[in-house]
């Protein structure tokens, strides 16, 4: 690979734009091609970042001559696009959620291994000052026996994200952030139980979900995710340890909401957050976390090292999401590893709440 990493990107929505700004800031990256099925959106991005817009994803994979292709479009296309990129010799970075099924995850991981290319999952919140402050403090609260996470926002719009073909709803799209952090702080999960519903009648996948996790350590965790919670979008959490407690709030849009508190011996203190060196123009509350995640990924590729955000990490979060869906469908706790998940039964995982009258939704 040349010193300059040639980057192509598929999906010029908000997530794609956020990544493009990071690549544009990185001294060792060159944006060489873009694709989005919305031609106007693609051309606007192309003009802003000085890269050609190609007419199809196949053209992007075949003709861009990219070292890295970043996939930021709908997850229903994730596996097909990743396999095409790997077949054409590119490394692949997948926005969260990583894929729609474990079979897709395994196909992508297997292809990356055969082609000797990196396959990466974009868990940018690992690099957020809030998360890094928790990383530094967590040893102070002893053994963690319980953790509660929530990722909430209020969305009344119905879009492609809420279609059955995307493989799931809010737990898969947003809950994976909390699931990834929980795995990092509490270790592997042994079983999952889930309750969820479709609250907005025009949606096809869950917009309200609550899953309970039993960790191999014996700790218990809870992840709540909702598009129906009338409050500013944020991830909040509380980690309970034998010697103390850590609470935090992480907001994608409002930097002033970002905070970490630690409680020990009856006293609660706010923890200082590291200084950030850039403000994300798309998600201001994420500060420089995406920029740092991209820099880490570029280093991983340049050095040929296995990344902590590899395909296996992406797969682990999807396995827990699917176990939650299967638990709801079966009405029972599901042990990991997940033995099977029949995607044809996905619609049975999401019971509907209420009368189904769209006019009642405010």
Protein backbone atom coordinates (compact mmCIF):
# COMPACT_ATOMS: atom_id res chain seq x y z
CA UNK A 1 0.00 0.00 0.00
CA UNK A 2 1.21 3.49 -0.85
CA UNK A 3 1.91 6.02 1.87
CA UNK A 4 -1.34 7.79 0.99
CA UNK A 5 -4.45 5.72 1.73
CA UNK A 6 -6.89 6.02 -1.16
CA UNK A 7 -10.42 6.03 0.25
CA UNK A 8 -13.77 5.52 -1.48
CA UNK A 9 -17.10 5.82 0.32
CA UNK A 10 -20.58 4.49 -0.29
CA UNK A 11 -23.51 6.27 1.34
CA UNK A 12 -23.41 10.08 1.53
CA UNK A 13 -25.91 10.54 4.35
CA UNK A 14 -25.04 11.97 7.76
CA UNK A 15 -22.79 9.07 8.79
CA UNK A 16 -20.98 9.17 5.46
CA UNK A 17 -20.54 12.92 5.63
CA UNK A 18 -19.09 12.64 9.13
CA UNK A 19 -16.54 10.10 7.91
CA UNK A 20 -15.70 12.16 4.82
CA UNK A 21 -14.80 15.15 6.98
CA UNK A 22 -12.44 12.91 8.97
CA UNK A 23 -10.76 11.51 5.87
CA UNK A 24 -10.39 15.03 4.47
CA UNK A 25 -8.62 16.11 7.67
CA UNK A 26 -6.25 13.14 7.74
CA UNK A 27 -2.88 13.98 6.12
CA UNK A 28 -2.38 10.43 4.83
CA UNK A 29 -5.82 9.96 3.22
CA UNK A 30 -7.08 10.87 -0.24
CA UNK A 31 -10.80 10.63 -1.07
CA UNK A 32 -10.90 9.14 -4.58
CA UNK A 33 -14.55 8.27 -5.25
CA UNK A 34 -18.08 8.44 -3.83
CA UNK A 35 -21.38 6.71 -4.43
CA UNK A 36 -24.93 7.25 -3.24
CA UNK A 37 -28.15 6.04 -4.88
CA UNK A 38 -29.43 9.62 -4.50
CA UNK A 39 -27.57 11.21 -7.40
CA UNK A 40 -28.07 14.76 -6.15
CA UNK A 41 -26.69 13.91 -2.72
CA UNK A 42 -23.70 12.16 -4.27
CA UNK A 43 -22.89 15.09 -6.57
CA UNK A 44 -23.11 17.56 -3.69
CA UNK A 45 -20.65 15.49 -1.68
CA UNK A 46 -18.40 15.08 -4.70
CA UNK A 47 -18.21 18.83 -5.18
CA UNK A 48 -17.51 19.44 -1.50
CA UNK A 49 -14.74 16.85 -1.20
CA UNK A 50 -13.24 17.06 -4.69
CA UNK A 51 -13.82 13.42 -5.65
CA UNK A 52 -15.80 11.93 -8.52
CA UNK A 53 -19.28 10.53 -7.98
CA UNK A 54 -19.69 7.12 -9.62
CA UNK A 55 -23.03 5.85 -11.00
CA UNK A 56 -23.22 2.58 -9.07
CA UNK A 57 -21.65 0.73 -6.19
CA UNK A 58 -20.29 -1.84 -8.64
CA UNK A 59 -18.47 0.96 -10.44
CA UNK A 60 -17.10 2.21 -7.13
CA UNK A 61 -15.73 -1.21 -6.15
CA UNK A 62 -14.39 -1.96 -9.63
CA UNK A 63 -12.97 1.37 -10.77
CA UNK A 64 -12.07 3.47 -7.76
CA UNK A 65 -8.73 1.67 -7.18
CA UNK A 66 -9.26 2.38 -3.50
CA UNK A 67 -7.16 0.96 -0.69
CA UNK A 68 -10.14 1.35 1.67
CA UNK A 69 -13.87 1.43 0.92
CA UNK A 70 -16.05 2.79 3.68
CA UNK A 71 -19.66 1.56 3.75
CA UNK A 72 -22.13 4.04 5.23
CA UNK A 73 -25.35 3.17 3.43
CA UNK A 74 -28.27 0.94 4.46
CA UNK A 75 -27.27 -2.26 6.22
CA UNK A 76 -29.41 -4.29 3.81
CA UNK A 77 -26.64 -3.68 1.25
CA UNK A 78 -23.73 -4.04 3.67
CA UNK A 79 -22.71 -7.65 3.00
CA UNK A 80 -23.03 -7.47 -0.78
CA UNK A 81 -21.03 -4.25 -0.93
CA UNK A 82 -18.36 -5.53 1.48
CA UNK A 83 -17.85 -8.72 -0.51
CA UNK A 84 -17.52 -6.75 -3.75
CA UNK A 85 -14.95 -4.42 -2.20
CA UNK A 86 -12.92 -7.31 -0.78
CA UNK A 87 -13.04 -9.14 -4.13
CA UNK A 88 -11.50 -6.05 -5.73
CA UNK A 89 -8.66 -5.93 -3.21
CA UNK A 90 -9.84 -3.15 -0.89
CA UNK A 91 -9.93 -3.04 2.87
CA UNK A 92 -13.47 -2.42 4.19
CA UNK A 93 -14.82 -0.25 6.99
CA UNK A 94 -18.48 -0.84 7.91
CA UNK A 95 -20.58 1.72 9.73
CA UNK A 96 -22.57 0.28 12.59
CA UNK A 97 -24.58 -1.91 12.60
CA UNK A 98 -22.09 -4.28 11.03
CA UNK A 99 -24.47 -6.49 9.01
CA UNK A 100 -27.96 -7.97 8.98
CA UNK A 101 -27.23 -11.55 10.10
CA UNK A 102 -24.55 -13.81 11.49
CA UNK A 103 -24.34 -15.56 8.11
CA UNK A 104 -23.53 -12.20 6.52
CA UNK A 105 -20.97 -11.44 9.22
CA UNK A 106 -19.30 -14.81 8.67
CA UNK A 107 -19.26 -14.39 4.89
CA UNK A 108 -17.61 -10.98 5.23
CA UNK A 109 -15.07 -12.17 7.81
CA UNK A 110 -14.23 -15.23 5.71
CA UNK A 111 -13.75 -13.17 2.56
CA UNK A 112 -11.47 -10.70 4.37
CA UNK A 113 -9.34 -13.59 5.62
CA UNK A 114 -9.08 -15.17 2.16
CA UNK A 115 -8.13 -11.87 0.55
CA UNK A 116 -5.82 -10.89 3.42
CA UNK A 117 -7.60 -7.57 3.85
CA UNK A 118 -8.81 -5.70 6.91
CA UNK A 119 -12.51 -5.76 7.71
CA UNK A 120 -13.43 -3.14 10.30
CA UNK A 121 -16.45 -1.99 12.32
CA UNK A 122 -16.82 1.73 13.00
CA UNK A 123 -17.27 1.91 16.77
CA UNK A 124 -16.30 5.56 17.00
CA UNK A 125 -17.73 6.10 20.49
CA UNK A 126 -14.84 4.10 21.93
CA UNK A 127 -12.73 7.20 21.27
CA UNK A 128 -15.10 9.72 22.86
CA UNK A 129 -13.73 11.69 25.85
CA UNK A 130 -16.63 10.42 27.98
CA UNK A 131 -15.84 6.77 27.21
CA UNK A 132 -12.12 7.31 27.68
CA UNK A 133 -12.77 8.90 31.08
CA UNK A 134 -14.76 5.81 32.08
CA UNK A 135 -11.88 3.63 30.84
CA UNK A 136 -9.53 5.46 33.20
CA UNK A 137 -11.87 5.33 36.21
CA UNK A 138 -13.39 1.88 35.96
CA UNK A 139 -10.76 0.09 38.07
CA UNK A 140 -11.66 2.39 40.97
CA UNK A 141 -15.16 0.96 41.40
CA UNK A 142 -14.10 -2.67 41.95
CA UNK A 143 -15.86 -5.61 40.35
CA UNK A 144 -18.84 -4.57 38.26
CA UNK A 145 -21.96 -6.51 39.16
CA UNK A 146 -24.59 -4.47 37.29
CA UNK A 147 -24.80 -2.01 34.40
CA UNK A 148 -27.66 -0.10 32.84
CA UNK A 149 -27.40 1.55 29.43
CA UNK A 150 -29.92 3.55 27.44
CA UNK A 151 -29.79 5.05 23.97
CA UNK A 152 -32.86 7.18 23.41
CA UNK A 153 -34.20 9.71 20.96
CA UNK A 154 -37.54 10.87 19.61
CA UNK A 155 -38.21 10.31 15.92
CA UNK A 156 -41.65 10.53 14.34
CA UNK A 157 -40.40 10.16 10.76
CA UNK A 158 -40.65 6.79 9.05
CA UNK A 159 -37.84 6.01 6.61
CA UNK A 160 -35.80 3.18 5.14
CA UNK A 161 -34.34 2.61 8.61
CA UNK A 162 -37.71 1.34 9.81
CA UNK A 163 -38.22 -1.30 7.11
CA UNK A 164 -38.03 -5.02 7.76
CA UNK A 165 -35.35 -5.45 5.09
CA UNK A 166 -32.88 -3.57 7.31
CA UNK A 167 -32.83 -6.55 9.67
CA UNK A 168 -34.04 -4.77 12.78
CA UNK A 169 -34.78 -1.41 14.31
CA UNK A 170 -33.54 0.76 17.13
CA UNK A 171 -31.75 -1.99 19.08
CA UNK A 172 -29.73 -2.89 16.01
CA UNK A 173 -29.18 0.64 14.75
CA UNK A 174 -28.45 2.48 18.01
CA UNK A 175 -28.33 -0.10 20.78
CA UNK A 176 -25.15 -1.56 19.27
CA UNK A 177 -23.22 1.46 20.60
CA UNK A 178 -24.16 0.54 24.17
CA UNK A 179 -23.69 -3.18 23.52
CA UNK A 180 -20.16 -2.63 22.19
CA UNK A 181 -19.17 -0.56 25.23
CA UNK A 182 -20.76 -3.05 27.62
CA UNK A 183 -18.73 -5.87 26.08
CA UNK A 184 -15.55 -3.87 26.50
CA UNK A 185 -16.20 -3.07 30.17
CA UNK A 186 -17.94 -6.24 31.37
CA UNK A 187 -16.67 -8.97 29.03
CA UNK A 188 -18.50 -11.74 27.16
CA UNK A 189 -22.23 -12.33 27.47
CA UNK A 190 -23.64 -15.77 28.30
CA UNK A 191 -27.37 -15.18 27.78
CA UNK A 192 -29.85 -12.57 26.53
CA UNK A 193 -33.51 -11.92 27.18
CA UNK A 194 -35.49 -9.31 25.32
CA UNK A 195 -38.75 -7.38 25.26
CA UNK A 196 -39.60 -4.99 22.44
CA UNK A 197 -42.41 -3.49 20.43
CA UNK A 198 -43.39 -1.46 17.40
CA UNK A 199 -44.98 1.65 18.89
CA UNK A 200 -45.27 3.86 15.79
CA UNK A 201 -47.81 2.01 13.62
CA UNK A 202 -46.14 2.85 10.30
CA UNK A 203 -42.88 1.10 11.23
CA UNK A 204 -42.01 -2.52 10.44
CA UNK A 205 -39.27 -3.04 13.05
CA UNK A 206 -38.97 -2.30 16.74
CA UNK A 207 -38.72 1.30 17.87
CA UNK A 208 -38.72 0.39 21.58
CA UNK A 209 -36.51 -2.35 23.02
CA UNK A 210 -35.23 -3.56 26.35
CA UNK A 211 -32.78 -6.45 26.67
CA UNK A 212 -31.20 -8.01 29.75
CA UNK A 213 -27.71 -9.48 29.55
CA UNK A 214 -26.10 -12.05 31.80
CA UNK A 215 -22.33 -11.75 31.52
CA UNK A 216 -19.95 -14.65 31.96
CA UNK A 217 -18.55 -12.81 34.97
CA UNK A 218 -21.93 -13.09 36.67
CA UNK A 219 -22.75 -9.41 36.18
CA UNK A 220 -26.18 -8.36 34.94
CA UNK A 221 -26.72 -5.70 32.31
CA UNK A 222 -29.65 -3.86 30.77
CA UNK A 223 -29.77 -2.08 27.41
CA UNK A 224 -32.76 0.13 26.62
CA UNK A 225 -33.08 1.66 23.16
CA UNK A 226 -35.94 3.75 21.80
CA UNK A 227 -36.95 6.08 19.00
CA UNK A 228 -40.02 6.94 21.09
CA UNK A 229 -38.50 8.62 24.15
CA UNK A 230 -39.33 12.33 24.29
CA UNK A 231 -35.95 13.69 25.31
CA UNK A 232 -32.78 14.87 23.54
CA UNK A 233 -30.85 12.07 21.86
CA UNK A 234 -28.23 10.65 24.20
CA UNK A 235 -26.63 7.52 25.59
CA UNK A 236 -26.63 7.31 29.36
CA UNK A 237 -25.30 4.58 31.62
CA UNK A 238 -24.62 3.57 35.20
CA UNK A 239 -21.98 0.99 36.14
CA UNK A 240 -22.34 -0.46 39.64
CA UNK A 241 -19.21 -1.88 41.25
CA UNK A 242 -18.35 -3.37 44.60
CA UNK A 243 -16.43 -0.19 45.51
CA UNK A 244 -18.38 2.51 43.72
CA UNK A 245 -20.48 3.68 40.80
CA UNK A 246 -19.82 5.46 37.50
CA UNK A 247 -22.58 7.34 35.68
CA UNK A 248 -22.25 9.10 32.35
CA UNK A 249 -24.09 10.89 29.58
CA UNK A 250 -22.87 11.00 25.98
CA UNK A 251 -24.75 13.19 23.51
CA UNK A 252 -24.19 13.03 19.74
CA UNK A 253 -25.45 16.59 19.23
CA UNK A 254 -25.09 18.61 22.45
CA UNK A 255 -21.52 18.82 23.79
CA UNK A 256 -22.69 20.41 27.03
CA UNK A 257 -24.53 17.19 27.96
CA UNK A 258 -21.34 15.11 27.96
CA UNK A 259 -20.31 14.24 31.51
CA UNK A 260 -18.98 11.50 33.77
CA UNK A 261 -19.51 11.14 37.53
CA UNK A 262 -17.96 8.71 39.98
CA UNK A 263 -19.41 7.93 43.40
CA UNK A 264 -17.23 6.36 46.10
CA UNK A 265 -17.54 6.39 49.91
CA UNK A 266 -20.75 8.38 49.66
CA UNK A 267 -19.21 11.24 47.67
CA UNK A 268 -19.95 12.01 44.01
CA UNK A 269 -17.41 13.84 41.86
CA UNK A 270 -17.43 14.94 38.24
CA UNK A 271 -14.58 13.51 36.24
CA UNK A 272 -12.55 15.74 33.93
CA UNK A 273 -12.84 14.98 30.21
CA UNK A 274 -9.82 15.17 27.94
CA UNK A 275 -9.56 18.15 25.63
CA UNK A 276 -10.75 17.53 22.08
CA UNK A 277 -8.90 18.88 19.06
CA UNK A 278 -11.78 19.12 16.60
CA UNK A 279 -15.56 19.50 16.68
CA UNK A 280 -17.51 17.09 14.51
CA UNK A 281 -19.45 19.22 11.98
CA UNK A 282 -22.23 16.64 11.65
CA UNK A 283 -22.46 15.33 15.22
CA UNK A 284 -21.06 18.13 17.42
CA UNK A 285 -21.53 16.16 20.63
CA UNK A 286 -19.21 13.44 19.37
CA UNK A 287 -16.41 16.03 19.49
CA UNK A 288 -13.29 14.44 17.89
CA UNK A 289 -14.21 10.79 18.45
CA UNK A 290 -14.82 9.98 14.77
CA UNK A 291 -11.62 11.76 13.80
CA UNK A 292 -9.65 9.68 16.30
CA UNK A 293 -11.39 6.47 15.25
CA UNK A 294 -10.48 7.10 11.61
CA UNK A 295 -6.88 7.87 12.57
CA UNK A 296 -6.70 4.61 14.52
CA UNK A 297 -8.11 2.65 11.58
CA UNK A 298 -5.67 4.25 9.14
CA UNK A 299 -2.79 3.30 11.44
CA UNK A 300 -4.09 -0.27 11.75
CA UNK A 301 -4.14 -0.64 7.98
CA UNK A 302 -0.78 1.05 7.44
CA UNK A 303 0.91 -1.13 10.05
CA UNK A 304 -0.87 -4.31 8.98
CA UNK A 305 -2.00 -4.94 12.54
CA UNK A 306 -5.19 -6.59 13.67
CA UNK A 307 -7.63 -3.97 14.81
CA UNK A 308 -9.64 -4.05 18.02
CA UNK A 309 -12.54 -2.92 15.79
CA UNK A 310 -12.32 -5.90 13.45
CA UNK A 311 -15.09 -7.99 11.94
CA UNK A 312 -15.25 -10.18 15.02
CA UNK A 313 -16.11 -7.12 17.14
CA UNK A 314 -18.86 -6.18 14.70
CA UNK A 315 -20.21 -9.72 14.77
CA UNK A 316 -20.34 -9.86 18.59
CA UNK A 317 -22.71 -6.92 18.80
CA UNK A 318 -24.95 -8.30 16.03
CA UNK A 319 -25.13 -11.68 17.81
CA UNK A 320 -26.47 -10.02 20.95
CA UNK A 321 -29.03 -7.99 18.99
CA UNK A 322 -30.29 -11.10 17.20
CA UNK A 323 -30.40 -13.05 20.47
CA UNK A 324 -32.62 -10.28 21.84
CA UNK A 325 -34.95 -10.62 18.84
CA UNK A 326 -35.04 -14.40 19.18
CA UNK A 327 -35.77 -14.08 22.89
CA UNK A 328 -38.77 -11.85 22.17
CA UNK A 329 -40.04 -14.26 19.51
CA UNK A 330 -39.69 -17.35 21.71
CA UNK A 331 -40.61 -15.73 25.00
CA UNK A 332 -37.55 -17.15 26.75
CA UNK A 333 -33.93 -16.45 27.62
CA UNK A 334 -31.47 -17.26 24.79
CA UNK A 335 -28.02 -18.68 25.50
CA UNK A 336 -24.93 -17.59 23.61
CA UNK A 337 -23.38 -18.47 21.29
CA UNK A 338 -26.55 -18.09 19.23
CA UNK A 339 -27.05 -21.39 17.44
CA UNK A 340 -29.33 -20.12 14.69
CA UNK A 341 -31.55 -17.22 13.70
CA UNK A 342 -34.12 -17.61 10.94
CA UNK A 343 -34.35 -14.21 9.22
CA UNK A 344 -37.61 -15.26 7.56
CA UNK A 345 -39.20 -15.11 11.04
CA UNK A 346 -37.95 -11.59 11.78
CA UNK A 347 -41.42 -10.06 11.58
CA UNK A 348 -42.52 -12.35 14.42
CA UNK A 349 -39.94 -10.72 16.72
CA UNK A 350 -41.69 -7.36 16.89
CA UNK A 351 -45.16 -7.30 18.46
CA UNK A 352 -47.19 -4.19 17.82
CA UNK A 353 -48.36 -1.91 20.59
CA UNK A 354 -51.75 -0.23 20.74
CA UNK A 355 -54.51 0.29 18.21
CA UNK A 356 -52.32 0.73 15.14
CA UNK A 357 -54.00 4.04 14.33
CA UNK A 358 -51.36 6.40 12.91
CA UNK A 359 -53.53 9.41 13.71
CA UNK A 360 -53.04 8.75 17.41
CA UNK A 361 -49.29 9.29 17.14
CA UNK A 362 -48.09 12.69 18.26
